[in-house]
Amino acid sequence: MRIKTEIVNKIFIVTFEGRRFDASFAQVFVKSMQHYIQRGHLDIVLDLASVEFVDSMGIGAIVHCLNQINGRGQLVLCGVNDTVVNLLKMTGLDDVFVQVADRNEAFKRLNVEKKKRVVAPVSAPTPPKAKGFDEALLSSLSMESDDPVQEVSSGERRKYRRIDHKHILNEDIILKCFNKNSGKQSTTVVLDISPGGVLLVSQSKCTIGDELILEGRIGINFKFRERAVIRNCREGKYGIEFIDPSEKTISFLQQLTGSVMMGKT
């Protein structure tokens, strides 16, 4: 992934040249945009027409850019494909970013906003905050290392990298948990999550091998209800693996965490 920059009628245009805007490029993008914004480029168009996939780090990098502008100008996205739009909706960010079809629409939008600032100058407004995202996501998203999780009857290592819940939300992720073996229902707190399962703390004591029904919400728009099984327990923390999770859940968590499939040992 690379970016090409140009200035047209005092509007700073950033064109992405590549298909994936993910963790491998996010920090480079953040540093580059900090430099451009510090030099006074505050009305910015991000042209994402060539981008087919954006993960959580890519989204976090764009939000960081928006916060750096801090209401002194405007950031407009153009050429955003359906996959990226769906990710913005899932994470509650579709109302935060201005999105238009193409560059011409972006220029029109920015020129209108410029005239408003000239006619009625006001103190810089506070830009809308990213709904549900912690500030940690905006600066330094990081995955935990792929430390092994021992299972009851296999030597398979974790298939996905997990992301700490604090990098997703600025509050705890709460799930309702129904234990099909004991018949008990409890409230649990997610410590980290991946498309393969969760690490959580439960008020109720559980046993390795117990089958659970997990139900809850992540962010504003995403709700899920999945079957799961307890694979391990350490110091009151339970490692839970999803059982045949829905495509919707897998897709959401893959996009949100930017998870990477890991091979078997």
Protein backbone atom coordinates (compact mmCIF):
# COMPACT_ATOMS: atom_id res chain seq x y z
CA MET A 1 0.00 0.00 0.00
CA ARG A 2 1.17 3.53 -0.87
CA ILE A 3 -0.45 6.96 -0.96
CA LYS A 4 -0.15 9.69 -3.57
CA THR A 5 -0.75 13.31 -2.54
CA GLU A 6 -1.69 16.36 -4.56
CA ILE A 7 -3.26 19.78 -4.03
CA VAL A 8 -6.19 20.99 -6.13
CA ASN A 9 -7.69 24.44 -5.38
CA LYS A 10 -6.12 24.35 -1.90
CA ILE A 11 -7.73 20.99 -1.17
CA PHE A 12 -5.30 18.26 -0.10
CA ILE A 13 -6.01 14.96 -1.86
CA VAL A 14 -4.67 11.64 -0.64
CA THR A 15 -5.09 8.74 -3.07
CA PHE A 16 -4.58 5.20 -1.80
CA GLU A 17 -2.70 2.98 -4.23
CA GLY A 18 -3.34 -0.58 -3.14
CA ARG A 19 -6.13 -2.96 -2.21
CA ARG A 20 -5.62 -3.38 1.57
CA PHE A 21 -5.40 -0.66 4.20
CA ASP A 22 -4.46 -2.71 7.24
CA ALA A 23 -2.09 -2.87 10.19
CA SER A 24 0.98 -3.08 7.95
CA PHE A 25 0.35 0.46 6.67
CA ALA A 26 -1.69 2.13 9.42
CA GLN A 27 1.20 3.60 11.43
CA VAL A 28 2.96 4.87 8.28
CA PHE A 29 -0.28 6.58 7.25
CA VAL A 30 -0.73 8.18 10.70
CA LYS A 31 2.79 9.62 10.71
CA SER A 32 2.46 10.94 7.16
CA MET A 33 -0.88 12.59 7.86
CA GLN A 34 0.38 14.17 11.07
CA HIS A 35 3.14 15.81 9.03
CA TYR A 36 0.72 17.11 6.37
CA ILE A 37 -1.82 18.40 8.91
CA GLN A 38 0.91 20.17 10.90
CA ARG A 39 1.87 21.95 7.66
CA GLY A 40 -1.65 23.36 7.41
CA HIS A 41 -3.44 20.91 5.11
CA LEU A 42 -6.79 20.82 6.91
CA ASP A 43 -9.31 20.27 4.09
CA ILE A 44 -8.56 16.72 3.03
CA VAL A 45 -10.04 14.21 0.60
CA LEU A 46 -9.16 10.55 1.14
CA ASP A 47 -9.73 8.72 -2.15
CA LEU A 48 -10.32 5.05 -1.29
CA ALA A 49 -11.55 3.96 -4.73
CA SER A 50 -8.84 1.30 -5.09
CA VAL A 51 -9.15 -0.04 -1.54
CA GLU A 52 -11.06 -3.32 -1.17
CA PHE A 53 -10.37 -4.04 2.52
CA VAL A 54 -9.80 -1.93 5.63
CA ASP A 55 -9.22 -3.50 9.05
CA SER A 56 -9.68 -1.98 12.50
CA MET A 57 -6.20 -0.45 12.49
CA GLY A 58 -6.89 1.25 9.16
CA ILE A 59 -10.16 2.66 10.49
CA GLY A 60 -8.39 3.77 13.66
CA ALA A 61 -5.74 5.55 11.58
CA ILE A 62 -8.39 7.51 9.67
CA VAL A 63 -10.15 8.45 12.92
CA HIS A 64 -6.81 9.62 14.29
CA CYS A 65 -6.45 11.85 11.22
CA LEU A 66 -9.94 13.30 11.80
CA ASN A 67 -9.09 14.08 15.42
CA GLN A 68 -5.83 15.77 14.39
CA ILE A 69 -7.80 18.16 12.18
CA ASN A 70 -9.88 18.95 15.29
CA GLY A 71 -12.61 20.91 13.54
CA ARG A 72 -10.22 23.33 11.81
CA GLY A 73 -11.07 21.84 8.42
CA GLN A 74 -12.90 18.83 7.10
CA LEU A 75 -12.05 15.27 6.13
CA VAL A 76 -14.07 13.71 3.30
CA LEU A 77 -13.95 10.08 2.18
CA CYS A 78 -14.73 9.22 -1.42
CA GLY A 79 -14.91 6.01 -3.44
CA VAL A 80 -15.64 3.88 -0.37
CA ASN A 81 -16.79 0.38 -1.35
CA ASP A 82 -19.65 -1.55 0.25
CA THR A 83 -17.38 -3.71 2.41
CA VAL A 84 -15.76 -0.69 4.06
CA VAL A 85 -19.13 1.06 4.41
CA ASN A 86 -20.47 -2.00 6.24
CA LEU A 87 -17.50 -1.94 8.62
CA LEU A 88 -18.15 1.73 9.37
CA LYS A 89 -21.78 0.90 10.10
CA MET A 90 -20.85 -2.05 12.31
CA THR A 91 -18.56 0.11 14.42
CA GLY A 92 -20.95 3.08 14.56
CA LEU A 93 -18.60 5.32 12.56
CA ASP A 94 -20.74 5.92 9.48
CA ASP A 95 -22.15 9.08 11.10
CA VAL A 96 -18.66 10.32 12.04
CA PHE A 97 -17.15 10.41 8.55
CA VAL A 98 -18.38 12.46 5.60
CA GLN A 99 -18.70 10.04 2.68
CA VAL A 100 -19.35 10.96 -0.96
CA ALA A 101 -19.29 9.07 -4.25
CA ASP A 102 -16.29 10.62 -5.98
CA ARG A 103 -13.79 13.48 -6.02
CA ASN A 104 -16.13 15.94 -7.70
CA GLU A 105 -18.69 15.47 -4.93
CA ALA A 106 -15.90 15.80 -2.35
CA PHE A 107 -14.76 19.13 -3.86
CA LYS A 108 -18.34 20.44 -3.82
CA ARG A 109 -18.79 19.44 -0.19
CA LEU A 110 -15.52 21.03 0.92
CA ASN A 111 -16.14 24.26 -1.02
CA VAL A 112 -19.54 24.63 0.66
CA GLU A 113 -17.96 24.13 4.08
CA LYS A 114 -15.20 26.63 3.27
CA LYS A 115 -17.79 29.32 2.41
CA LYS A 116 -19.57 28.68 5.69
CA ARG A 117 -16.33 29.21 7.62
CA VAL A 118 -15.64 32.49 5.77
CA VAL A 119 -19.16 33.89 6.17
CA ALA A 120 -19.63 32.94 9.79
CA PRO A 121 -16.32 32.22 11.49
CA VAL A 122 -16.77 30.43 14.79
CA SER A 123 -14.51 28.78 17.28
CA ALA A 124 -13.33 25.36 16.19
CA PRO A 125 -16.00 22.80 17.05
CA THR A 126 -15.16 19.59 18.75
CA PRO A 127 -15.28 16.84 16.11
CA PRO A 128 -17.63 13.94 16.77
CA LYS A 129 -16.01 11.17 18.72
CA ALA A 130 -15.80 7.70 17.31
CA LYS A 131 -18.73 5.87 18.85
CA GLY A 132 -17.67 2.96 21.00
CA PHE A 133 -13.96 3.16 20.19
CA ASP A 134 -11.38 3.77 22.89
CA GLU A 135 -8.70 6.43 22.37
CA ALA A 136 -6.16 3.57 22.39
CA LEU A 137 -7.49 2.52 19.00
CA LEU A 138 -6.66 5.92 17.56
CA SER A 139 -3.00 5.84 18.43
CA SER A 140 -1.55 2.40 18.88
CA LEU A 141 -3.68 -0.63 18.18
CA SER A 142 -1.78 -3.82 18.87
CA MET A 143 -2.54 -7.49 18.96
CA GLU A 144 -1.35 -9.72 21.73
CA SER A 145 1.30 -12.27 20.83
CA ASP A 146 0.12 -15.66 19.68
CA ASP A 147 0.77 -17.38 23.01
CA PRO A 148 -0.53 -20.95 23.08
CA VAL A 149 -3.86 -21.84 24.63
CA GLN A 150 -3.96 -25.44 25.78
CA GLU A 151 -7.13 -27.32 24.92
CA VAL A 152 -8.57 -30.39 26.57
CA SER A 153 -8.08 -32.92 23.79
CA SER A 154 -5.84 -31.38 21.16
CA GLY A 155 -2.47 -29.73 20.70
CA GLU A 156 -3.84 -27.07 18.37
CA ARG A 157 -2.66 -23.55 19.00
CA ARG A 158 -4.95 -20.56 18.88
CA LYS A 159 -6.24 -20.06 15.33
CA TYR A 160 -6.74 -16.30 15.65
CA ARG A 161 -4.97 -13.42 17.27
CA ARG A 162 -7.15 -11.83 19.91
CA ILE A 163 -7.54 -8.13 20.57
CA ASP A 164 -8.00 -6.73 24.06
CA HIS A 165 -11.50 -5.35 24.68
CA LYS A 166 -9.99 -2.01 25.74
CA HIS A 167 -8.80 -1.54 22.16
CA ILE A 168 -12.38 -1.94 20.92
CA LEU A 169 -14.62 -0.15 23.43
CA ASN A 170 -14.13 2.42 26.16
CA GLU A 171 -16.19 0.28 28.51
CA ASP A 172 -16.46 -3.41 29.35
CA ILE A 173 -18.04 -5.82 26.88
CA ILE A 174 -20.76 -7.57 28.89
CA LEU A 175 -22.21 -10.90 27.79
CA LYS A 176 -25.06 -12.96 29.20
CA CYS A 177 -23.98 -16.54 29.65
CA PHE A 178 -26.31 -19.56 29.96
CA ASN A 179 -24.56 -22.78 31.00
CA LYS A 180 -26.42 -25.66 29.35
CA ASN A 181 -24.74 -28.21 31.64
CA SER A 182 -25.60 -26.58 34.98
CA GLY A 183 -28.65 -24.62 33.88
CA LYS A 184 -27.24 -21.46 35.47
CA GLN A 185 -27.26 -18.01 33.90
CA SER A 186 -24.64 -15.38 34.69
CA THR A 187 -23.19 -12.09 33.53
CA THR A 188 -19.63 -12.21 32.18
CA VAL A 189 -17.01 -9.61 31.24
CA VAL A 190 -14.96 -10.11 28.07
CA LEU A 191 -11.21 -9.61 28.47
CA ASP A 192 -10.32 -10.18 24.83
CA ILE A 193 -12.02 -11.50 21.72
CA SER A 194 -11.37 -13.00 18.29
CA PRO A 195 -13.44 -14.70 15.57
CA GLY A 196 -12.57 -18.01 17.25
CA GLY A 197 -13.75 -17.22 20.77
CA VAL A 198 -13.36 -15.07 23.87
CA LEU A 199 -11.45 -14.87 27.12
CA LEU A 200 -13.83 -13.85 29.90
CA VAL A 201 -14.39 -13.61 33.64
CA SER A 202 -17.56 -15.15 35.04
CA GLN A 203 -19.23 -14.78 38.43
CA SER A 204 -20.26 -18.45 38.25
CA LYS A 205 -17.88 -21.35 38.46
CA CYS A 206 -17.74 -23.38 35.27
CA THR A 207 -16.13 -26.62 34.21
CA ILE A 208 -13.92 -27.31 31.22
CA GLY A 209 -16.11 -28.85 28.52
CA ASP A 210 -19.32 -27.06 29.58
CA GLU A 211 -21.42 -25.83 26.67
CA LEU A 212 -22.60 -22.20 26.85
CA ILE A 213 -24.93 -19.82 25.10
CA LEU A 214 -23.30 -16.37 24.87
CA GLU A 215 -25.45 -13.37 24.08
CA GLY A 216 -24.52 -9.70 23.97
CA ARG A 217 -23.63 -6.56 22.04
CA ILE A 218 -20.39 -5.07 20.73
CA GLY A 219 -20.57 -1.36 20.06
CA ILE A 220 -23.85 0.20 19.00
CA ASN A 221 -25.06 -1.86 16.08
CA PHE A 222 -23.78 -5.42 16.46
CA LYS A 223 -25.66 -8.03 18.50
CA PHE A 224 -24.87 -11.71 18.57
CA ARG A 225 -25.96 -15.00 20.14
CA GLU A 226 -23.61 -17.94 19.78
CA ARG A 227 -22.99 -21.42 21.18
CA ALA A 228 -19.59 -21.96 22.75
CA VAL A 229 -17.59 -24.43 24.84
CA ILE A 230 -15.15 -23.86 27.72
CA ARG A 231 -11.68 -24.99 26.64
CA ASN A 232 -9.53 -23.89 29.57
CA CYS A 233 -9.54 -22.09 32.90
CA ARG A 234 -6.74 -20.15 34.53
CA GLU A 235 -7.08 -18.11 37.71
CA GLY A 236 -10.79 -17.54 37.20
CA LYS A 237 -10.44 -16.63 33.54
CA TYR A 238 -12.18 -18.89 31.03
CA GLY A 239 -11.04 -19.53 27.48
CA ILE A 240 -14.17 -20.00 25.36
CA GLU A 241 -14.32 -21.37 21.81
CA PHE A 242 -17.30 -20.63 19.55
CA ILE A 243 -19.19 -23.65 18.18
CA ASP A 244 -20.17 -23.16 14.52
CA PRO A 245 -20.42 -19.35 14.78
CA SER A 246 -22.59 -17.57 12.22
CA GLU A 247 -21.03 -16.02 9.14
CA LYS A 248 -22.23 -12.62 10.36
CA THR A 249 -20.37 -12.98 13.66
CA ILE A 250 -17.19 -14.26 12.01
CA SER A 251 -17.24 -11.47 9.41
CA PHE A 252 -17.79 -8.76 12.01
CA LEU A 253 -15.04 -9.97 14.32
CA GLN A 254 -12.57 -10.52 11.47
CA GLN A 255 -13.04 -6.96 10.30
CA LEU A 256 -13.07 -5.49 13.79
CA THR A 257 -10.00 -7.24 15.13
CA GLY A 258 -8.04 -7.55 11.90
CA SER A 259 -7.41 -11.11 13.05
CA VAL A 260 -4.95 -13.37 11.26
CA MET A 261 -5.40 -17.11 10.72
CA MET A 262 -2.65 -19.04 12.44
CA GLY A 263 -1.44 -22.47 11.35
CA LYS A 264 -1.45 -25.59 13.51
CA THR A 265 1.66 -26.56 15.43
